[in-house]
Amino acid sequence: MKNYTFRVIIEPDGKNAFHGFVPSLLGCHTWGYSIEETKKNLKEAIRCHIQGLLKDKQNIPQADESMEIIQTFTEKELALA
């Protein structure tokens, strides 16, 4: 059985809820009132998205060996001070 790995991003949406999306699956977005609810909804959104791709005889995108990092800058480094 083959495994599929997708990078997902969950972020606050500013309305006491969370927005979740999958960058490699264009248009695959969802939301929830909690991170756990958003994760659950993302699983369903991914499944539906993949089923649509298969129905349309399209390839399933695979996550590459990319890395995501968060960088912090001082105001001076950004020339804001």
N, C-alpha and C. Protein backbone atom coordinates (compact mmCIF):
# COMPACT_ATOMS: atom_id res chain seq x y z
N MET A 1 0.84 -1.17 0.00
CA MET A 1 0.00 0.00 0.00
C MET A 1 0.89 1.24 0.00
N LYS A 2 0.58 2.20 -0.86
CA LYS A 2 1.39 3.41 -1.00
C LYS A 2 0.93 4.47 -0.01
N ASN A 3 1.89 5.22 0.53
CA ASN A 3 1.60 6.34 1.41
C ASN A 3 1.74 7.65 0.64
N TYR A 4 0.93 8.61 0.96
CA TYR A 4 0.98 9.94 0.37
C TYR A 4 1.21 10.95 1.48
N THR A 5 2.14 11.86 1.26
CA THR A 5 2.47 12.87 2.27
C THR A 5 2.19 14.25 1.70
N PHE A 6 1.49 15.06 2.47
CA PHE A 6 1.17 16.41 2.05
C PHE A 6 1.52 17.38 3.17
N ARG A 7 2.13 18.49 2.81
CA ARG A 7 2.38 19.56 3.78
C ARG A 7 1.09 20.34 3.93
N VAL A 8 0.66 20.53 5.16
CA VAL A 8 -0.54 21.31 5.43
C VAL A 8 -0.16 22.50 6.30
N ILE A 9 -0.88 23.57 6.13
CA ILE A 9 -0.65 24.78 6.93
C ILE A 9 -1.97 25.15 7.59
N ILE A 10 -1.89 25.39 8.89
CA ILE A 10 -3.05 25.84 9.65
C ILE A 10 -2.65 27.14 10.33
N GLU A 11 -3.47 28.16 10.13
CA GLU A 11 -3.17 29.45 10.73
C GLU A 11 -4.45 30.11 11.22
N PRO A 12 -4.35 30.96 12.24
CA PRO A 12 -5.54 31.67 12.72
C PRO A 12 -6.07 32.56 11.59
N ASP A 13 -7.40 32.67 11.52
CA ASP A 13 -7.96 33.50 10.46
C ASP A 13 -8.49 34.84 10.97
N GLY A 14 -8.28 35.11 12.26
CA GLY A 14 -8.68 36.39 12.82
C GLY A 14 -10.14 36.47 13.21
N LYS A 15 -10.87 35.40 13.10
CA LYS A 15 -12.29 35.39 13.42
C LYS A 15 -12.61 34.28 14.43
N ASN A 16 -11.68 34.05 15.37
CA ASN A 16 -11.83 32.97 16.35
C ASN A 16 -11.98 31.61 15.69
N ALA A 17 -11.28 31.43 14.57
CA ALA A 17 -11.29 30.16 13.85
C ALA A 17 -9.92 29.98 13.20
N PHE A 18 -9.76 28.88 12.49
CA PHE A 18 -8.49 28.55 11.85
C PHE A 18 -8.73 28.19 10.39
N HIS A 19 -7.80 28.59 9.55
CA HIS A 19 -7.82 28.29 8.12
C HIS A 19 -6.75 27.25 7.86
N GLY A 20 -7.10 26.19 7.15
CA GLY A 20 -6.14 25.16 6.79
C GLY A 20 -6.10 24.97 5.29
N PHE A 21 -4.90 24.74 4.76
CA PHE A 21 -4.79 24.50 3.33
C PHE A 21 -3.59 23.63 3.01
N VAL A 22 -3.58 23.10 1.80
CA VAL A 22 -2.53 22.21 1.33
C VAL A 22 -1.90 22.87 0.10
N PRO A 23 -0.69 23.43 0.23
CA PRO A 23 -0.09 24.16 -0.89
C PRO A 23 0.04 23.35 -2.18
N SER A 24 0.31 22.06 -2.09
CA SER A 24 0.50 21.27 -3.31
C SER A 24 -0.81 20.85 -3.97
N LEU A 25 -1.93 21.07 -3.29
CA LEU A 25 -3.24 20.75 -3.86
C LEU A 25 -4.01 22.06 -4.03
N LEU A 26 -3.81 22.69 -5.16
CA LEU A 26 -4.42 24.00 -5.40
C LEU A 26 -5.92 23.97 -5.17
N GLY A 27 -6.39 24.89 -4.36
CA GLY A 27 -7.81 24.98 -4.06
C GLY A 27 -8.27 24.14 -2.90
N CYS A 28 -7.36 23.42 -2.27
CA CYS A 28 -7.72 22.56 -1.14
C CYS A 28 -7.59 23.37 0.15
N HIS A 29 -8.72 23.95 0.57
CA HIS A 29 -8.79 24.80 1.76
C HIS A 29 -9.95 24.35 2.63
N THR A 30 -9.84 24.62 3.92
CA THR A 30 -10.95 24.37 4.84
C THR A 30 -10.74 25.23 6.07
N TRP A 31 -11.60 25.10 7.05
CA TRP A 31 -11.46 25.86 8.28
C TRP A 31 -12.10 25.09 9.43
N GLY A 32 -11.89 25.58 10.63
CA GLY A 32 -12.50 25.00 11.82
C GLY A 32 -12.38 25.96 12.98
N TYR A 33 -13.16 25.71 14.02
CA TYR A 33 -13.12 26.58 15.20
C TYR A 33 -11.95 26.25 16.12
N SER A 34 -11.29 25.12 15.88
CA SER A 34 -10.11 24.73 16.65
C SER A 34 -9.10 24.11 15.69
N ILE A 35 -7.87 23.96 16.16
CA ILE A 35 -6.86 23.31 15.33
C ILE A 35 -7.26 21.86 15.06
N GLU A 36 -7.75 21.18 16.10
CA GLU A 36 -8.16 19.78 15.91
C GLU A 36 -9.28 19.65 14.89
N GLU A 37 -10.27 20.54 14.96
CA GLU A 37 -11.37 20.50 14.00
C GLU A 37 -10.85 20.79 12.59
N THR A 38 -9.92 21.73 12.48
CA THR A 38 -9.35 22.06 11.17
C THR A 38 -8.56 20.89 10.62
N LYS A 39 -7.79 20.19 11.46
CA LYS A 39 -7.05 19.00 11.02
C LYS A 39 -8.01 17.93 10.50
N LYS A 40 -9.10 17.72 11.23
CA LYS A 40 -10.11 16.73 10.81
C LYS A 40 -10.72 17.13 9.46
N ASN A 41 -11.05 18.40 9.33
CA ASN A 41 -11.63 18.89 8.08
C ASN A 41 -10.64 18.82 6.94
N LEU A 42 -9.36 19.03 7.23
CA LEU A 42 -8.33 18.91 6.18
C LEU A 42 -8.24 17.48 5.65
N LYS A 43 -8.33 16.50 6.53
CA LYS A 43 -8.30 15.11 6.05
C LYS A 43 -9.42 14.85 5.05
N GLU A 44 -10.60 15.35 5.37
CA GLU A 44 -11.75 15.18 4.47
C GLU A 44 -11.54 15.96 3.17
N ALA A 45 -11.03 17.19 3.28
CA ALA A 45 -10.79 18.01 2.09
C ALA A 45 -9.75 17.36 1.18
N ILE A 46 -8.69 16.83 1.77
CA ILE A 46 -7.64 16.16 0.98
C ILE A 46 -8.22 14.94 0.28
N ARG A 47 -8.97 14.14 1.03
CA ARG A 47 -9.56 12.93 0.44
C ARG A 47 -10.46 13.29 -0.74
N CYS A 48 -11.31 14.28 -0.58
CA CYS A 48 -12.21 14.70 -1.66
C CYS A 48 -11.42 15.25 -2.86
N HIS A 49 -10.39 16.02 -2.57
CA HIS A 49 -9.57 16.60 -3.63
C HIS A 49 -8.88 15.49 -4.44
N ILE A 50 -8.30 14.53 -3.75
CA ILE A 50 -7.61 13.43 -4.43
C ILE A 50 -8.59 12.59 -5.24
N GLN A 51 -9.77 12.32 -4.68
CA GLN A 51 -10.77 11.57 -5.44
C GLN A 51 -11.14 12.30 -6.72
N GLY A 52 -11.23 13.64 -6.67
CA GLY A 52 -11.52 14.43 -7.86
C GLY A 52 -10.40 14.33 -8.89
N LEU A 53 -9.15 14.39 -8.40
CA LEU A 53 -8.02 14.24 -9.32
C LEU A 53 -8.04 12.89 -10.01
N LEU A 54 -8.29 11.83 -9.24
CA LEU A 54 -8.33 10.48 -9.83
C LEU A 54 -9.47 10.35 -10.82
N LYS A 55 -10.63 10.92 -10.50
CA LYS A 55 -11.78 10.87 -11.41
C LYS A 55 -11.46 11.55 -12.73
N ASP A 56 -10.68 12.66 -12.64
CA ASP A 56 -10.30 13.40 -13.83
C ASP A 56 -9.02 12.86 -14.48
N LYS A 57 -8.56 11.71 -13.98
CA LYS A 57 -7.35 11.05 -14.51
C LYS A 57 -6.11 11.95 -14.46
N GLN A 58 -5.97 12.69 -13.35
CA GLN A 58 -4.81 13.53 -13.14
C GLN A 58 -3.89 12.89 -12.11
N ASN A 59 -2.63 13.27 -12.15
CA ASN A 59 -1.66 12.75 -11.19
C ASN A 59 -1.87 13.36 -9.82
N ILE A 60 -1.53 12.60 -8.80
CA ILE A 60 -1.59 13.09 -7.42
C ILE A 60 -0.25 13.73 -7.11
N PRO A 61 -0.24 15.03 -6.82
CA PRO A 61 1.03 15.69 -6.49
C PRO A 61 1.64 15.09 -5.22
N GLN A 62 2.95 14.99 -5.21
CA GLN A 62 3.66 14.48 -4.04
C GLN A 62 4.52 15.58 -3.45
N ALA A 63 4.56 15.63 -2.14
CA ALA A 63 5.43 16.60 -1.46
C ALA A 63 6.87 16.22 -1.73
N ASP A 64 7.67 17.23 -2.07
CA ASP A 64 9.08 16.95 -2.27
C ASP A 64 9.81 17.08 -0.94
N GLU A 65 11.08 17.05 -0.98
CA GLU A 65 11.86 17.13 0.25
C GLU A 65 12.12 18.59 0.61
N SER A 66 11.07 19.38 0.61
CA SER A 66 11.23 20.80 0.93
C SER A 66 11.33 21.00 2.44
N MET A 67 11.78 22.18 2.81
CA MET A 67 11.91 22.51 4.22
C MET A 67 11.20 23.83 4.45
N GLU A 68 10.50 23.91 5.53
CA GLU A 68 9.85 25.15 5.90
C GLU A 68 10.46 25.65 7.20
N ILE A 69 10.84 26.93 7.21
CA ILE A 69 11.44 27.50 8.41
C ILE A 69 10.78 28.84 8.71
N ILE A 70 10.93 29.27 9.92
CA ILE A 70 10.46 30.59 10.32
C ILE A 70 11.70 31.38 10.70
N GLN A 71 11.87 32.55 10.10
CA GLN A 71 13.02 33.39 10.39
C GLN A 71 12.57 34.65 11.12
N THR A 72 13.38 35.10 12.06
CA THR A 72 13.11 36.32 12.80
C THR A 72 14.14 37.37 12.42
N PHE A 73 13.67 38.60 12.21
CA PHE A 73 14.53 39.71 11.85
C PHE A 73 14.33 40.84 12.85
N THR A 74 15.39 41.56 13.13
CA THR A 74 15.27 42.76 13.95
C THR A 74 14.80 43.91 13.04
N GLU A 75 14.30 44.98 13.67
CA GLU A 75 13.92 46.15 12.89
C GLU A 75 15.12 46.71 12.13
N LYS A 76 16.29 46.64 12.75
CA LYS A 76 17.51 47.15 12.11
C LYS A 76 17.83 46.35 10.86
N GLU A 77 17.73 45.02 10.94
CA GLU A 77 18.02 44.17 9.79
C GLU A 77 17.06 44.48 8.62
N LEU A 78 15.86 44.88 8.95
CA LEU A 78 14.88 45.21 7.92
C LEU A 78 14.92 46.69 7.56
N ALA A 79 15.85 47.41 8.17
CA ALA A 79 16.01 48.86 7.94
C ALA A 79 14.74 49.62 8.27
N LEU A 80 14.07 49.20 9.35
CA LEU A 80 12.86 49.89 9.78
C LEU A 80 13.12 50.84 10.94
N ALA A 81 14.27 50.67 11.58
CA ALA A 81 14.56 51.51 12.75
C ALA A 81 15.40 52.71 12.38
